[in-house]
Every structure is written in C-alpha cells, then in structure tokens.
Amino acid sequence: MGKKYIEITQNDKDEKQPFEMFFKLNDVSYYKTSITDKVDEGEIELLPKDLTKPEIILGTALAFLFFWG
C-alpha cells in the first residue's frame, strides 16, 4: 500500500528514546513498523492536509444541501 517515514531526531548514538504512534486502520490485514537510516521513494501522506477556508465553506454548504435540501 505505501510507506510513511517519521523522523526521530536529537538522539546520540546508542541513545534510547521512547515514542508513541497512533494508527487508525481501515481494511488493513497487516502493517510493519521498523527503524531505518535511509528513506526510499513512495511515501504516502499519513495525515490529510488542513482544509482551506473555501473548502470548509463548500463542504458545509454541500452538507446542508444534502441533509436539508
């Protein structure tokens, strides 16, 4: 399906640092978490971008038309 890289910084060599990840998965049979030193191509967008004000207004207007139209 795709890969997502999360950069973990501010660590010295062999230093340990706890971190947490949250996944909201739909129709996924498995996933793999690993630590790497290099980034391959083909990264997916993990979180959607923030909506702009016109996109929010249009979405709200369409919702009103759909439910009350």
PDB file of N, CA and C in Angstrom:
ATOM      1  N   MET A   1       0.824  -1.177   0.000  1.00  0.00           N
ATOM      2  CA  MET A   1       0.000   0.000   0.000  1.00  0.00           C
ATOM      3  C   MET A   1       0.873   1.247   0.000  1.00  0.00           C
ATOM      4  N   GLY A   2       1.822   1.359   0.906  1.00  0.00           N
ATOM      5  CA  GLY A   2       2.679   2.529   0.955  1.00  0.00           C
ATOM      6  C   GLY A   2       3.514   2.565   2.211  1.00  0.00           C
ATOM      7  N   LYS A   3       4.358   3.576   2.295  1.00  0.00           N
ATOM      8  CA  LYS A   3       5.240   3.752   3.450  1.00  0.00           C
ATOM      9  C   LYS A   3       5.094   5.167   3.983  1.00  0.00           C
ATOM     10  N   LYS A   4       5.317   5.327   5.261  1.00  0.00           N
ATOM     11  CA  LYS A   4       5.358   6.646   5.880  1.00  0.00           C
ATOM     12  C   LYS A   4       6.546   6.680   6.804  1.00  0.00           C
ATOM     13  N   TYR A   5       7.396   7.685   6.630  1.00  0.00           N
ATOM     14  CA  TYR A   5       8.580   7.844   7.466  1.00  0.00           C
ATOM     15  C   TYR A   5       8.342   8.942   8.493  1.00  0.00           C
ATOM     16  N   ILE A   6       8.686   8.653   9.728  1.00  0.00           N
ATOM     17  CA  ILE A   6       8.584   9.626  10.812  1.00  0.00           C
ATOM     18  C   ILE A   6       9.988   9.846  11.346  1.00  0.00           C
ATOM     19  N   GLU A   7      10.479  11.082  11.238  1.00  0.00           N
ATOM     20  CA  GLU A   7      11.842  11.375  11.649  1.00  0.00           C
ATOM     21  C   GLU A   7      11.935  11.501  13.170  1.00  0.00           C
ATOM     22  N   ILE A   8      12.892  10.818  13.728  1.00  0.00           N
ATOM     23  CA  ILE A   8      13.171  10.895  15.162  1.00  0.00           C
ATOM     24  C   ILE A   8      14.553  11.510  15.290  1.00  0.00           C
ATOM     25  N   THR A   9      14.638  12.669  15.914  1.00  0.00           N
ATOM     26  CA  THR A   9      15.902  13.407  15.977  1.00  0.00           C
ATOM     27  C   THR A   9      16.345  13.596  17.419  1.00  0.00           C
ATOM     28  N   GLN A  10      17.458  14.257  17.554  1.00  0.00           N
ATOM     29  CA  GLN A  10      18.020  14.622  18.852  1.00  0.00           C
ATOM     30  C   GLN A  10      18.430  13.398  19.671  1.00  0.00           C
ATOM     31  N   ASN A  11      18.928  12.381  19.013  1.00  0.00           N
ATOM     32  CA  ASN A  11      19.436  11.206  19.710  1.00  0.00           C
ATOM     33  C   ASN A  11      20.922  11.059  19.435  1.00  0.00           C
ATOM     34  N   ASP A  12      21.676  10.765  20.452  1.00  0.00           N
ATOM     35  CA  ASP A  12      23.081  10.413  20.278  1.00  0.00           C
ATOM     36  C   ASP A  12      23.155   8.939  19.903  1.00  0.00           C
ATOM     37  N   LYS A  13      24.299   8.513  19.444  1.00  0.00           N
ATOM     38  CA  LYS A  13      24.469   7.123  19.048  1.00  0.00           C
ATOM     39  C   LYS A  13      24.169   6.205  20.237  1.00  0.00           C
ATOM     40  N   ASP A  14      23.402   5.177  20.018  1.00  0.00           N
ATOM     41  CA  ASP A  14      23.000   4.171  21.009  1.00  0.00           C
ATOM     42  C   ASP A  14      22.140   4.742  22.134  1.00  0.00           C
ATOM     43  N   GLU A  15      21.650   5.953  21.980  1.00  0.00           N
ATOM     44  CA  GLU A  15      20.754   6.529  22.980  1.00  0.00           C
ATOM     45  C   GLU A  15      19.334   6.039  22.712  1.00  0.00           C
ATOM     46  N   LYS A  16      18.583   5.759  23.754  1.00  0.00           N
ATOM     47  CA  LYS A  16      17.209   5.288  23.617  1.00  0.00           C
ATOM     48  C   LYS A  16      16.255   6.422  23.948  1.00  0.00           C
ATOM     49  N   GLN A  17      15.168   6.478  23.188  1.00  0.00           N
ATOM     50  CA  GLN A  17      14.159   7.497  23.403  1.00  0.00           C
ATOM     51  C   GLN A  17      12.785   6.880  23.157  1.00  0.00           C
ATOM     52  N   PRO A  18      11.896   6.944  24.119  1.00  0.00           N
ATOM     53  CA  PRO A  18      10.558   6.389  23.894  1.00  0.00           C
ATOM     54  C   PRO A  18       9.751   7.300  22.963  1.00  0.00           C
ATOM     55  N   PHE A  19       8.917   6.703  22.138  1.00  0.00           N
ATOM     56  CA  PHE A  19       7.998   7.477  21.317  1.00  0.00           C
ATOM     57  C   PHE A  19       6.748   6.644  21.092  1.00  0.00           C
ATOM     58  N   GLU A  20       5.649   7.316  20.779  1.00  0.00           N
ATOM     59  CA  GLU A  20       4.376   6.647  20.580  1.00  0.00           C
ATOM     60  C   GLU A  20       3.843   6.953  19.196  1.00  0.00           C
ATOM     61  N   MET A  21       3.117   5.999  18.637  1.00  0.00           N
ATOM     62  CA  MET A  21       2.462   6.185  17.347  1.00  0.00           C
ATOM     63  C   MET A  21       1.014   5.759  17.486  1.00  0.00           C
ATOM     64  N   PHE A  22       0.144   6.434  16.792  1.00  0.00           N
ATOM     65  CA  PHE A  22      -1.277   6.082  16.777  1.00  0.00           C
ATOM     66  C   PHE A  22      -1.679   5.794  15.342  1.00  0.00           C
ATOM     67  N   PHE A  23      -2.318   4.651  15.100  1.00  0.00           N
ATOM     68  CA  PHE A  23      -2.776   4.278  13.776  1.00  0.00           C
ATOM     69  C   PHE A  23      -4.282   4.103  13.793  1.00  0.00           C
ATOM     70  N   LYS A  24      -4.935   4.669  12.824  1.00  0.00           N
ATOM     71  CA  LYS A  24      -6.353   4.407  12.600  1.00  0.00           C
ATOM     72  C   LYS A  24      -6.427   3.653  11.284  1.00  0.00           C
ATOM     73  N   LEU A  25      -6.684   2.349  11.360  1.00  0.00           N
ATOM     74  CA  LEU A  25      -6.599   1.484  10.195  1.00  0.00           C
ATOM     75  C   LEU A  25      -7.975   1.014   9.749  1.00  0.00           C
ATOM     76  N   ASN A  26      -8.196   1.047   8.455  1.00  0.00           N
ATOM     77  CA  ASN A  26      -9.424   0.518   7.858  1.00  0.00           C
ATOM     78  C   ASN A  26      -9.036  -0.476   6.776  1.00  0.00           C
ATOM     79  N   ASP A  27      -9.624  -1.656   6.802  1.00  0.00           N
ATOM     80  CA  ASP A  27      -9.391  -2.677   5.783  1.00  0.00           C
ATOM     81  C   ASP A  27      -7.904  -2.979   5.590  1.00  0.00           C
ATOM     82  N   VAL A  28      -7.165  -3.117   6.685  1.00  0.00           N
ATOM     83  CA  VAL A  28      -5.736  -3.431   6.631  1.00  0.00           C
ATOM     84  C   VAL A  28      -5.530  -4.797   7.261  1.00  0.00           C
ATOM     85  N   SER A  29      -4.877  -5.698   6.515  1.00  0.00           N
ATOM     86  CA  SER A  29      -4.658  -7.038   7.045  1.00  0.00           C
ATOM     87  C   SER A  29      -3.396  -7.107   7.907  1.00  0.00           C
ATOM     88  N   TYR A  30      -2.400  -6.250   7.617  1.00  0.00           N
ATOM     89  CA  TYR A  30      -1.205  -6.211   8.460  1.00  0.00           C
ATOM     90  C   TYR A  30      -0.456  -4.898   8.240  1.00  0.00           C
ATOM     91  N   TYR A  31       0.430  -4.565   9.149  1.00  0.00           N
ATOM     92  CA  TYR A  31       1.327  -3.422   8.991  1.00  0.00           C
ATOM     93  C   TYR A  31       2.649  -3.770   9.641  1.00  0.00           C
ATOM     94  N   LYS A  32       3.692  -3.080   9.233  1.00  0.00           N
ATOM     95  CA  LYS A  32       5.029  -3.348   9.738  1.00  0.00           C
ATOM     96  C   LYS A  32       5.659  -2.033  10.176  1.00  0.00           C
ATOM     97  N   THR A  33       6.241  -2.025  11.354  1.00  0.00           N
ATOM     98  CA  THR A  33       6.949  -0.864  11.876  1.00  0.00           C
ATOM     99  C   THR A  33       8.420  -1.219  11.983  1.00  0.00           C
ATOM    100  N   SER A  34       9.277  -0.359  11.440  1.00  0.00           N
ATOM    101  CA  SER A  34      10.714  -0.617  11.502  1.00  0.00           C
ATOM    102  C   SER A  34      11.477   0.697  11.606  1.00  0.00           C
ATOM    103  N   ILE A  35      12.742   0.598  11.972  1.00  0.00           N
ATOM    104  CA  ILE A  35      13.617   1.757  12.087  1.00  0.00           C
ATOM    105  C   ILE A  35      14.663   1.653  10.988  1.00  0.00           C
ATOM    106  N   THR A  36      14.883   2.760  10.268  1.00  0.00           N
ATOM    107  CA  THR A  36      15.816   2.754   9.153  1.00  0.00           C
ATOM    108  C   THR A  36      16.644   4.034   9.147  1.00  0.00           C
ATOM    109  N   ASP A  37      17.778   3.980   8.463  1.00  0.00           N
ATOM    110  CA  ASP A  37      18.645   5.152   8.324  1.00  0.00           C
ATOM    111  C   ASP A  37      18.456   5.852   6.992  1.00  0.00           C
ATOM    112  N   LYS A  38      17.728   5.229   6.048  1.00  0.00           N
ATOM    113  CA  LYS A  38      17.532   5.834   4.742  1.00  0.00           C
ATOM    114  C   LYS A  38      16.056   5.880   4.400  1.00  0.00           C
ATOM    115  N   VAL A  39      15.709   6.806   3.508  1.00  0.00           N
ATOM    116  CA  VAL A  39      14.321   6.990   3.092  1.00  0.00           C
ATOM    117  C   VAL A  39      14.201   6.567   1.643  1.00  0.00           C
ATOM    118  N   ASP A  40      13.284   5.636   1.364  1.00  0.00           N
ATOM    119  CA  ASP A  40      13.008   5.199   0.000  1.00  0.00           C
ATOM    120  C   ASP A  40      11.903   6.062  -0.602  1.00  0.00           C
ATOM    121  N   GLU A  41      11.750   5.984  -1.916  1.00  0.00           N
ATOM    122  CA  GLU A  41      10.663   6.693  -2.582  1.00  0.00           C
ATOM    123  C   GLU A  41       9.345   5.978  -2.323  1.00  0.00           C
ATOM    124  N   GLY A  42       8.252   6.663  -2.573  1.00  0.00           N
ATOM    125  CA  GLY A  42       6.939   6.040  -2.455  1.00  0.00           C
ATOM    126  C   GLY A  42       6.263   6.269  -1.121  1.00  0.00           C
ATOM    127  N   GLU A  43       6.602   7.356  -0.434  1.00  0.00           N
ATOM    128  CA  GLU A  43       5.988   7.647   0.855  1.00  0.00           C
ATOM    129  C   GLU A  43       4.553   8.121   0.650  1.00  0.00           C
ATOM    130  N   ILE A  44       3.642   7.650   1.500  1.00  0.00           N
ATOM    131  CA  ILE A  44       2.245   8.065   1.427  1.00  0.00           C
ATOM    132  C   ILE A  44       2.002   9.208   2.396  1.00  0.00           C
ATOM    133  N   GLU A  45       0.918   9.943   2.164  1.00  0.00           N
ATOM    134  CA  GLU A  45       0.533  11.010   3.079  1.00  0.00           C
ATOM    135  C   GLU A  45      -0.238  10.375   4.229  1.00  0.00           C
ATOM    136  N   LEU A  46       0.329  10.433   5.422  1.00  0.00           N
ATOM    137  CA  LEU A  46      -0.274   9.774   6.577  1.00  0.00           C
ATOM    138  C   LEU A  46      -1.489  10.535   7.097  1.00  0.00           C
ATOM    139  N   LEU A  47      -1.353  11.814   7.238  1.00  0.00           N
ATOM    140  CA  LEU A  47      -2.437  12.649   7.729  1.00  0.00           C
ATOM    141  C   LEU A  47      -2.906  13.573   6.615  1.00  0.00           C
ATOM    142  N   PRO A  48      -4.193  13.778   6.473  1.00  0.00           N
ATOM    143  CA  PRO A  48      -4.662  14.689   5.428  1.00  0.00           C
ATOM    144  C   PRO A  48      -4.230  16.116   5.710  1.00  0.00           C
ATOM    145  N   LYS A  49      -4.112  16.888   4.635  1.00  0.00           N
ATOM    146  CA  LYS A  49      -3.713  18.282   4.792  1.00  0.00           C
ATOM    147  C   LYS A  49      -4.843  19.064   5.449  1.00  0.00           C
ATOM    148  N   ASP A  50      -4.505  20.205   6.011  1.00  0.00           N
ATOM    149  CA  ASP A  50      -5.521  21.063   6.599  1.00  0.00           C
ATOM    150  C   ASP A  50      -6.386  21.646   5.491  1.00  0.00           C
ATOM    151  N   LEU A  51      -7.674  21.730   5.748  1.00  0.00           N
ATOM    152  CA  LEU A  51      -8.582  22.291   4.764  1.00  0.00           C
ATOM    153  C   LEU A  51      -8.489  23.816   4.770  1.00  0.00           C
ATOM    154  N   THR A  52      -8.652  24.404   3.589  1.00  0.00           N
ATOM    155  CA  THR A  52      -8.658  25.859   3.483  1.00  0.00           C
ATOM    156  C   THR A  52     -10.060  26.361   3.814  1.00  0.00           C
ATOM    157  N   LYS A  53     -10.177  27.659   4.058  1.00  0.00           N
ATOM    158  CA  LYS A  53     -11.476  28.237   4.407  1.00  0.00           C
ATOM    159  C   LYS A  53     -12.508  28.009   3.302  1.00  0.00           C
ATOM    160  N   PRO A  54     -12.182  28.216   2.010  1.00  0.00           N
ATOM    161  CA  PRO A  54     -13.186  27.933   0.965  1.00  0.00           C
ATOM    162  C   PRO A  54     -13.607  26.461   0.918  1.00  0.00           C
ATOM    163  N   GLU A  55     -12.689  25.541   1.167  1.00  0.00           N
ATOM    164  CA  GLU A  55     -13.036  24.116   1.180  1.00  0.00           C
ATOM    165  C   GLU A  55     -13.995  23.801   2.325  1.00  0.00           C
ATOM    166  N   ILE A  56     -13.790  24.409   3.475  1.00  0.00           N
ATOM    167  CA  ILE A  56     -14.676  24.201   4.625  1.00  0.00           C
ATOM    168  C   ILE A  56     -16.067  24.752   4.336  1.00  0.00           C
ATOM    169  N   ILE A  57     -16.122  25.968   3.745  1.00  0.00           N
ATOM    170  CA  ILE A  57     -17.419  26.588   3.421  1.00  0.00           C
ATOM    171  C   ILE A  57     -18.162  25.747   2.385  1.00  0.00           C
ATOM    172  N   LEU A  58     -17.473  25.295   1.355  1.00  0.00           N
ATOM    173  CA  LEU A  58     -18.102  24.468   0.324  1.00  0.00           C
ATOM    174  C   LEU A  58     -18.599  23.149   0.910  1.00  0.00           C
ATOM    175  N   GLY A  59     -17.797  22.504   1.733  1.00  0.00           N
ATOM    176  CA  GLY A  59     -18.210  21.248   2.357  1.00  0.00           C
ATOM    177  C   GLY A  59     -19.424  21.420   3.254  1.00  0.00           C
ATOM    178  N   THR A  60     -19.445  22.521   4.003  1.00  0.00           N
ATOM    179  CA  THR A  60     -20.588  22.803   4.878  1.00  0.00           C
ATOM    180  C   THR A  60     -21.842  23.059   4.059  1.00  0.00           C
ATOM    181  N   ALA A  61     -21.707  23.836   2.987  1.00  0.00           N
ATOM    182  CA  ALA A  61     -22.864  24.132   2.130  1.00  0.00           C
ATOM    183  C   ALA A  61     -23.396  22.852   1.489  1.00  0.00           C
ATOM    184  N   LEU A  62     -22.521  21.994   1.015  1.00  0.00           N
ATOM    185  CA  LEU A  62     -22.968  20.735   0.417  1.00  0.00           C
ATOM    186  C   LEU A  62     -23.651  19.833   1.441  1.00  0.00           C
ATOM    187  N   ALA A  63     -23.143  19.831   2.665  1.00  0.00           N
ATOM    188  CA  ALA A  63     -23.776  19.028   3.716  1.00  0.00           C
ATOM    189  C   ALA A  63     -25.180  19.543   4.011  1.00  0.00           C
ATOM    190  N   PHE A  64     -25.340  20.879   4.083  1.00  0.00           N
ATOM    191  CA  PHE A  64     -26.672  21.442   4.312  1.00  0.00           C
ATOM    192  C   PHE A  64     -27.629  21.093   3.166  1.00  0.00           C
ATOM    193  N   LEU A  65     -27.139  21.203   1.940  1.00  0.00           N
ATOM    194  CA  LEU A  65     -27.993  20.875   0.793  1.00  0.00           C
ATOM    195  C   LEU A  65     -28.382  19.401   0.788  1.00  0.00           C
ATOM    196  N   PHE A  66     -27.455  18.551   1.163  1.00  0.00           N
ATOM    197  CA  PHE A  66     -27.716  17.115   1.165  1.00  0.00           C
ATOM    198  C   PHE A  66     -28.730  16.723   2.241  1.00  0.00           C
ATOM    199  N   PHE A  67     -28.562  17.253   3.446  1.00  0.00           N
ATOM    200  CA  PHE A  67     -29.417  16.848   4.560  1.00  0.00           C
ATOM    201  C   PHE A  67     -30.748  17.624   4.629  1.00  0.00           C
ATOM    202  N   TRP A  68     -30.744  18.876   4.175  1.00  0.00           N
ATOM    203  CA  TRP A  68     -31.957  19.675   4.309  1.00  0.00           C
ATOM    204  C   TRP A  68     -32.508  20.158   2.957  1.00  0.00           C
ATOM    205  N   GLY A  69     -31.995  19.617   1.871  1.00  0.00           N
ATOM    206  CA  GLY A  69     -32.429  20.095   0.547  1.00  0.00           C
ATOM    207  C   GLY A  69     -33.452  19.289  -0.105  1.00  0.00           C
TER     208      GLY A  69
END
